[in-house]
Amino acid sequence: MPPRLRSFIGTILIIFLVIIYALVATTIATLTLANYPWWVHLLYFLFSGLLWILPAMLIIKWMAGPVRKSD
């Protein structure tokens, strides 16, 4: 697969990941955290705000292409 196509597909995947993840994380927060104190909200959004990085890293790693072996 050409690198430009791989980068284009990866960019689209990351955009969809961020949109879907934000909707799911916010929905979970509004359904479950309504009666909890502010610090629980802070911890939840801190954790969920960093968690999306893991799948994004995998997509970026895929976008970079296969690892080239050095001789």
PDB file of N, CA and C in Angstrom:
ATOM      1  N   MET A   1       0.848  -1.172   0.000  1.00  0.00           N
ATOM      2  CA  MET A   1       0.000   0.000   0.000  1.00  0.00           C
ATOM      3  C   MET A   1       0.895   1.236   0.000  1.00  0.00           C
ATOM      4  N   PRO A   2       0.601   2.171  -0.857  1.00  0.00           N
ATOM      5  CA  PRO A   2       1.416   3.397  -0.903  1.00  0.00           C
ATOM      6  C   PRO A   2       1.317   4.190   0.411  1.00  0.00           C
ATOM      7  N   PRO A   3       2.419   4.819   0.801  1.00  0.00           N
ATOM      8  CA  PRO A   3       2.413   5.571   2.070  1.00  0.00           C
ATOM      9  C   PRO A   3       1.373   6.682   2.123  1.00  0.00           C
ATOM     10  N   ARG A   4       1.125   7.347   1.016  1.00  0.00           N
ATOM     11  CA  ARG A   4       0.133   8.438   1.028  1.00  0.00           C
ATOM     12  C   ARG A   4      -1.263   7.904   1.291  1.00  0.00           C
ATOM     13  N   LEU A   5      -1.606   6.766   0.699  1.00  0.00           N
ATOM     14  CA  LEU A   5      -2.910   6.156   0.924  1.00  0.00           C
ATOM     15  C   LEU A   5      -3.031   5.686   2.370  1.00  0.00           C
ATOM     16  N   ARG A   6      -1.958   5.082   2.871  1.00  0.00           N
ATOM     17  CA  ARG A   6      -1.950   4.626   4.271  1.00  0.00           C
ATOM     18  C   ARG A   6      -2.142   5.807   5.214  1.00  0.00           C
ATOM     19  N   SER A   7      -1.507   6.928   4.939  1.00  0.00           N
ATOM     20  CA  SER A   7      -1.658   8.123   5.784  1.00  0.00           C
ATOM     21  C   SER A   7      -3.071   8.685   5.693  1.00  0.00           C
ATOM     22  N   PHE A   8      -3.642   8.691   4.499  1.00  0.00           N
ATOM     23  CA  PHE A   8      -5.005   9.187   4.331  1.00  0.00           C
ATOM     24  C   PHE A   8      -6.002   8.320   5.105  1.00  0.00           C
ATOM     25  N   ILE A   9      -5.901   7.006   4.961  1.00  0.00           N
ATOM     26  CA  ILE A   9      -6.801   6.098   5.676  1.00  0.00           C
ATOM     27  C   ILE A   9      -6.616   6.241   7.181  1.00  0.00           C
ATOM     28  N   GLY A  10      -5.374   6.328   7.636  1.00  0.00           N
ATOM     29  CA  GLY A  10      -5.099   6.489   9.062  1.00  0.00           C
ATOM     30  C   GLY A  10      -5.662   7.786   9.619  1.00  0.00           C
ATOM     31  N   THR A  11      -5.570   8.854   8.842  1.00  0.00           N
ATOM     32  CA  THR A  11      -6.116  10.140   9.281  1.00  0.00           C
ATOM     33  C   THR A  11      -7.629  10.065   9.430  1.00  0.00           C
ATOM     34  N   ILE A  12      -8.294   9.461   8.465  1.00  0.00           N
ATOM     35  CA  ILE A  12      -9.750   9.288   8.544  1.00  0.00           C
ATOM     36  C   ILE A  12     -10.116   8.428   9.742  1.00  0.00           C
ATOM     37  N   LEU A  13      -9.360   7.351   9.989  1.00  0.00           N
ATOM     38  CA  LEU A  13      -9.634   6.479  11.142  1.00  0.00           C
ATOM     39  C   LEU A  13      -9.469   7.227  12.462  1.00  0.00           C
ATOM     40  N   ILE A  14      -8.446   8.053  12.568  1.00  0.00           N
ATOM     41  CA  ILE A  14      -8.233   8.810  13.809  1.00  0.00           C
ATOM     42  C   ILE A  14      -9.362   9.811  14.029  1.00  0.00           C
ATOM     43  N   ILE A  15      -9.812  10.455  12.970  1.00  0.00           N
ATOM     44  CA  ILE A  15     -10.926  11.403  13.106  1.00  0.00           C
ATOM     45  C   ILE A  15     -12.179  10.680  13.593  1.00  0.00           C
ATOM     46  N   PHE A  16     -12.490   9.537  12.984  1.00  0.00           N
ATOM     47  CA  PHE A  16     -13.646   8.759  13.433  1.00  0.00           C
ATOM     48  C   PHE A  16     -13.465   8.260  14.861  1.00  0.00           C
ATOM     49  N   LEU A  17     -12.260   7.829  15.200  1.00  0.00           N
ATOM     50  CA  LEU A  17     -11.981   7.363  16.559  1.00  0.00           C
ATOM     51  C   LEU A  17     -12.266   8.453  17.580  1.00  0.00           C
ATOM     52  N   VAL A  18     -11.776   9.662  17.326  1.00  0.00           N
ATOM     53  CA  VAL A  18     -11.954  10.759  18.274  1.00  0.00           C
ATOM     54  C   VAL A  18     -13.432  11.122  18.414  1.00  0.00           C
ATOM     55  N   ILE A  19     -14.152  11.182  17.305  1.00  0.00           N
ATOM     56  CA  ILE A  19     -15.576  11.543  17.361  1.00  0.00           C
ATOM     57  C   ILE A  19     -16.377  10.485  18.105  1.00  0.00           C
ATOM     58  N   ILE A  20     -16.212   9.231  17.734  1.00  0.00           N
ATOM     59  CA  ILE A  20     -16.960   8.146  18.376  1.00  0.00           C
ATOM     60  C   ILE A  20     -16.577   8.032  19.852  1.00  0.00           C
ATOM     61  N   TYR A  21     -15.275   8.112  20.140  1.00  0.00           N
ATOM     62  CA  TYR A  21     -14.825   7.996  21.524  1.00  0.00           C
ATOM     63  C   TYR A  21     -15.377   9.126  22.392  1.00  0.00           C
ATOM     64  N   ALA A  22     -15.378  10.344  21.872  1.00  0.00           N
ATOM     65  CA  ALA A  22     -15.910  11.471  22.641  1.00  0.00           C
ATOM     66  C   ALA A  22     -17.393  11.301  22.912  1.00  0.00           C
ATOM     67  N   LEU A  23     -18.140  10.854  21.926  1.00  0.00           N
ATOM     68  CA  LEU A  23     -19.582  10.626  22.130  1.00  0.00           C
ATOM     69  C   LEU A  23     -19.842   9.534  23.158  1.00  0.00           C
ATOM     70  N   VAL A  24     -19.101   8.440  23.062  1.00  0.00           N
ATOM     71  CA  VAL A  24     -19.293   7.331  24.015  1.00  0.00           C
ATOM     72  C   VAL A  24     -18.876   7.744  25.423  1.00  0.00           C
ATOM     73  N   ALA A  25     -17.725   8.393  25.561  1.00  0.00           N
ATOM     74  CA  ALA A  25     -17.243   8.800  26.886  1.00  0.00           C
ATOM     75  C   ALA A  25     -18.189   9.797  27.539  1.00  0.00           C
ATOM     76  N   THR A  26     -18.714  10.737  26.770  1.00  0.00           N
ATOM     77  CA  THR A  26     -19.645  11.723  27.315  1.00  0.00           C
ATOM     78  C   THR A  26     -20.976  11.084  27.667  1.00  0.00           C
ATOM     79  N   THR A  27     -21.441  10.162  26.850  1.00  0.00           N
ATOM     80  CA  THR A  27     -22.693   9.462  27.155  1.00  0.00           C
ATOM     81  C   THR A  27     -22.567   8.655  28.437  1.00  0.00           C
ATOM     82  N   ILE A  28     -21.476   7.935  28.585  1.00  0.00           N
ATOM     83  CA  ILE A  28     -21.252   7.158  29.814  1.00  0.00           C
ATOM     84  C   ILE A  28     -21.200   8.091  31.015  1.00  0.00           C
ATOM     85  N   ALA A  29     -20.534   9.224  30.872  1.00  0.00           N
ATOM     86  CA  ALA A  29     -20.431  10.173  31.984  1.00  0.00           C
ATOM     87  C   ALA A  29     -21.792  10.727  32.371  1.00  0.00           C
ATOM     88  N   THR A  30     -22.607  11.100  31.404  1.00  0.00           N
ATOM     89  CA  THR A  30     -23.902  11.694  31.740  1.00  0.00           C
ATOM     90  C   THR A  30     -24.867  10.672  32.314  1.00  0.00           C
ATOM     91  N   LEU A  31     -24.730   9.419  31.912  1.00  0.00           N
ATOM     92  CA  LEU A  31     -25.641   8.396  32.428  1.00  0.00           C
ATOM     93  C   LEU A  31     -25.238   7.870  33.799  1.00  0.00           C
ATOM     94  N   THR A  32     -23.947   7.892  34.115  1.00  0.00           N
ATOM     95  CA  THR A  32     -23.505   7.261  35.361  1.00  0.00           C
ATOM     96  C   THR A  32     -22.983   8.225  36.422  1.00  0.00           C
ATOM     97  N   LEU A  33     -22.526   9.413  36.044  1.00  0.00           N
ATOM     98  CA  LEU A  33     -21.866  10.292  37.008  1.00  0.00           C
ATOM     99  C   LEU A  33     -22.723  11.448  37.499  1.00  0.00           C
ATOM    100  N   ALA A  34     -23.992  11.408  37.248  1.00  0.00           N
ATOM    101  CA  ALA A  34     -24.847  12.553  37.567  1.00  0.00           C
ATOM    102  C   ALA A  34     -24.834  12.919  39.053  1.00  0.00           C
ATOM    103  N   ASN A  35     -24.798  11.948  39.923  1.00  0.00           N
ATOM    104  CA  ASN A  35     -24.917  12.215  41.363  1.00  0.00           C
ATOM    105  C   ASN A  35     -23.601  12.102  42.119  1.00  0.00           C
ATOM    106  N   TYR A  36     -22.504  12.051  41.403  1.00  0.00           N
ATOM    107  CA  TYR A  36     -21.212  11.923  42.059  1.00  0.00           C
ATOM    108  C   TYR A  36     -20.580  13.291  42.268  1.00  0.00           C
ATOM    109  N   PRO A  37     -19.646  13.392  43.227  1.00  0.00           N
ATOM    110  CA  PRO A  37     -18.990  14.690  43.481  1.00  0.00           C
ATOM    111  C   PRO A  37     -18.072  15.095  42.332  1.00  0.00           C
ATOM    112  N   TRP A  38     -17.611  16.332  42.367  1.00  0.00           N
ATOM    113  CA  TRP A  38     -16.812  16.904  41.287  1.00  0.00           C
ATOM    114  C   TRP A  38     -15.516  16.157  41.053  1.00  0.00           C
ATOM    115  N   TRP A  39     -14.899  15.629  42.115  1.00  0.00           N
ATOM    116  CA  TRP A  39     -13.610  14.973  41.949  1.00  0.00           C
ATOM    117  C   TRP A  39     -13.741  13.652  41.200  1.00  0.00           C
ATOM    118  N   VAL A  40     -14.900  12.998  41.293  1.00  0.00           N
ATOM    119  CA  VAL A  40     -15.123  11.779  40.517  1.00  0.00           C
ATOM    120  C   VAL A  40     -15.221  12.139  39.035  1.00  0.00           C
ATOM    121  N   HIS A  41     -15.891  13.232  38.734  1.00  0.00           N
ATOM    122  CA  HIS A  41     -15.964  13.718  37.357  1.00  0.00           C
ATOM    123  C   HIS A  41     -14.554  14.030  36.841  1.00  0.00           C
ATOM    124  N   LEU A  42     -13.763  14.701  37.674  1.00  0.00           N
ATOM    125  CA  LEU A  42     -12.410  15.053  37.290  1.00  0.00           C
ATOM    126  C   LEU A  42     -11.587  13.805  36.973  1.00  0.00           C
ATOM    127  N   LEU A  43     -11.646  12.815  37.835  1.00  0.00           N
ATOM    128  CA  LEU A  43     -10.896  11.578  37.603  1.00  0.00           C
ATOM    129  C   LEU A  43     -11.380  10.846  36.354  1.00  0.00           C
ATOM    130  N   TYR A  44     -12.693  10.791  36.174  1.00  0.00           N
ATOM    131  CA  TYR A  44     -13.239  10.110  35.002  1.00  0.00           C
ATOM    132  C   TYR A  44     -12.779  10.788  33.719  1.00  0.00           C
ATOM    133  N   PHE A  45     -12.921  12.100  33.639  1.00  0.00           N
ATOM    134  CA  PHE A  45     -12.549  12.792  32.410  1.00  0.00           C
ATOM    135  C   PHE A  45     -11.036  12.838  32.205  1.00  0.00           C
ATOM    136  N   LEU A  46     -10.269  12.824  33.282  1.00  0.00           N
ATOM    137  CA  LEU A  46      -8.820  12.732  33.150  1.00  0.00           C
ATOM    138  C   LEU A  46      -8.443  11.380  32.557  1.00  0.00           C
ATOM    139  N   PHE A  47      -9.010  10.310  33.106  1.00  0.00           N
ATOM    140  CA  PHE A  47      -8.722   8.963  32.618  1.00  0.00           C
ATOM    141  C   PHE A  47      -9.238   8.762  31.193  1.00  0.00           C
ATOM    142  N   SER A  48     -10.485   9.124  30.960  1.00  0.00           N
ATOM    143  CA  SER A  48     -11.059   8.901  29.630  1.00  0.00           C
ATOM    144  C   SER A  48     -10.439   9.841  28.590  1.00  0.00           C
ATOM    145  N   GLY A  49      -9.955  10.993  29.035  1.00  0.00           N
ATOM    146  CA  GLY A  49      -9.302  11.912  28.118  1.00  0.00           C
ATOM    147  C   GLY A  49      -7.945  11.422  27.656  1.00  0.00           C
ATOM    148  N   LEU A  50      -7.321  10.575  28.434  1.00  0.00           N
ATOM    149  CA  LEU A  50      -6.027  10.015  28.055  1.00  0.00           C
ATOM    150  C   LEU A  50      -6.142   8.638  27.401  1.00  0.00           C
ATOM    151  N   LEU A  51      -7.244   7.952  27.623  1.00  0.00           N
ATOM    152  CA  LEU A  51      -7.397   6.575  27.152  1.00  0.00           C
ATOM    153  C   LEU A  51      -7.469   6.463  25.636  1.00  0.00           C
ATOM    154  N   TRP A  52      -7.966   7.471  24.950  1.00  0.00           N
ATOM    155  CA  TRP A  52      -8.091   7.401  23.495  1.00  0.00           C
ATOM    156  C   TRP A  52      -6.739   7.382  22.798  1.00  0.00           C
ATOM    157  N   ILE A  53      -5.694   7.749  23.527  1.00  0.00           N
ATOM    158  CA  ILE A  53      -4.364   7.790  22.940  1.00  0.00           C
ATOM    159  C   ILE A  53      -3.878   6.397  22.557  1.00  0.00           C
ATOM    160  N   LEU A  54      -4.265   5.378  23.312  1.00  0.00           N
ATOM    161  CA  LEU A  54      -3.797   4.019  23.026  1.00  0.00           C
ATOM    162  C   LEU A  54      -4.226   3.530  21.642  1.00  0.00           C
ATOM    163  N   PRO A  55      -5.513   3.568  21.284  1.00  0.00           N
ATOM    164  CA  PRO A  55      -5.848   3.143  19.917  1.00  0.00           C
ATOM    165  C   PRO A  55      -5.292   4.085  18.848  1.00  0.00           C
ATOM    166  N   ALA A  56      -5.164   5.372  19.174  1.00  0.00           N
ATOM    167  CA  ALA A  56      -4.587   6.307  18.209  1.00  0.00           C
ATOM    168  C   ALA A  56      -3.127   5.974  17.939  1.00  0.00           C
ATOM    169  N   MET A  57      -2.403   5.544  18.969  1.00  0.00           N
ATOM    170  CA  MET A  57      -1.008   5.153  18.776  1.00  0.00           C
ATOM    171  C   MET A  57      -0.897   3.953  17.842  1.00  0.00           C
ATOM    172  N   LEU A  58      -1.814   3.002  17.974  1.00  0.00           N
ATOM    173  CA  LEU A  58      -1.796   1.841  17.086  1.00  0.00           C
ATOM    174  C   LEU A  58      -2.054   2.248  15.636  1.00  0.00           C
ATOM    175  N   ILE A  59      -2.980   3.171  15.442  1.00  0.00           N
ATOM    176  CA  ILE A  59      -3.262   3.640  14.082  1.00  0.00           C
ATOM    177  C   ILE A  59      -2.048   4.381  13.514  1.00  0.00           C
ATOM    178  N   ILE A  60      -1.415   5.210  14.321  1.00  0.00           N
ATOM    179  CA  ILE A  60      -0.237   5.950  13.863  1.00  0.00           C
ATOM    180  C   ILE A  60       0.916   4.991  13.553  1.00  0.00           C
ATOM    181  N   LYS A  61       1.052   3.957  14.371  1.00  0.00           N
ATOM    182  CA  LYS A  61       2.085   2.952  14.115  1.00  0.00           C
ATOM    183  C   LYS A  61       1.820   2.246  12.788  1.00  0.00           C
ATOM    184  N   TRP A  62       0.560   1.936  12.515  1.00  0.00           N
ATOM    185  CA  TRP A  62       0.197   1.318  11.246  1.00  0.00           C
ATOM    186  C   TRP A  62       0.468   2.280  10.090  1.00  0.00           C
ATOM    187  N   MET A  63       0.165   3.554  10.286  1.00  0.00           N
ATOM    188  CA  MET A  63       0.392   4.559   9.241  1.00  0.00           C
ATOM    189  C   MET A  63       1.879   4.674   8.882  1.00  0.00           C
ATOM    190  N   ALA A  64       2.748   4.462   9.845  1.00  0.00           N
ATOM    191  CA  ALA A  64       4.180   4.587   9.611  1.00  0.00           C
ATOM    192  C   ALA A  64       4.703   3.476   8.712  1.00  0.00           C
ATOM    193  N   GLY A  65       3.976   2.404   8.597  1.00  0.00           N
ATOM    194  CA  GLY A  65       4.382   1.320   7.724  1.00  0.00           C
ATOM    195  C   GLY A  65       5.206   0.283   8.463  1.00  0.00           C
ATOM    196  N   PRO A  66       5.601  -0.762   7.744  1.00  0.00           N
ATOM    197  CA  PRO A  66       6.372  -1.829   8.390  1.00  0.00           C
ATOM    198  C   PRO A  66       7.758  -1.332   8.802  1.00  0.00           C
ATOM    199  N   VAL A  67       8.279  -1.938   9.835  1.00  0.00           N
ATOM    200  CA  VAL A  67       9.610  -1.587  10.337  1.00  0.00           C
ATOM    201  C   VAL A  67      10.643  -2.129   9.365  1.00  0.00           C
ATOM    202  N   ARG A  68      11.544  -1.267   8.952  1.00  0.00           N
ATOM    203  CA  ARG A  68      12.592  -1.685   8.025  1.00  0.00           C
ATOM    204  C   ARG A  68      13.782  -2.205   8.803  1.00  0.00           C
ATOM    205  N   LYS A  69      14.289  -3.334   8.371  1.00  0.00           N
ATOM    206  CA  LYS A  69      15.449  -3.925   9.028  1.00  0.00           C
ATOM    207  C   LYS A  69      16.720  -3.272   8.503  1.00  0.00           C
ATOM    208  N   SER A  70      17.595  -2.928   9.418  1.00  0.00           N
ATOM    209  CA  SER A  70      18.878  -2.362   9.005  1.00  0.00           C
ATOM    210  C   SER A  70      19.920  -3.485   8.968  1.00  0.00           C
ATOM    211  N   ASP A  71      20.783  -3.421   7.998  1.00  0.00           N
ATOM    212  CA  ASP A  71      21.786  -4.480   7.842  1.00  0.00           C
ATOM    213  C   ASP A  71      22.994  -4.235   8.674  1.00  0.00           C
TER     214      ASP A  71
END
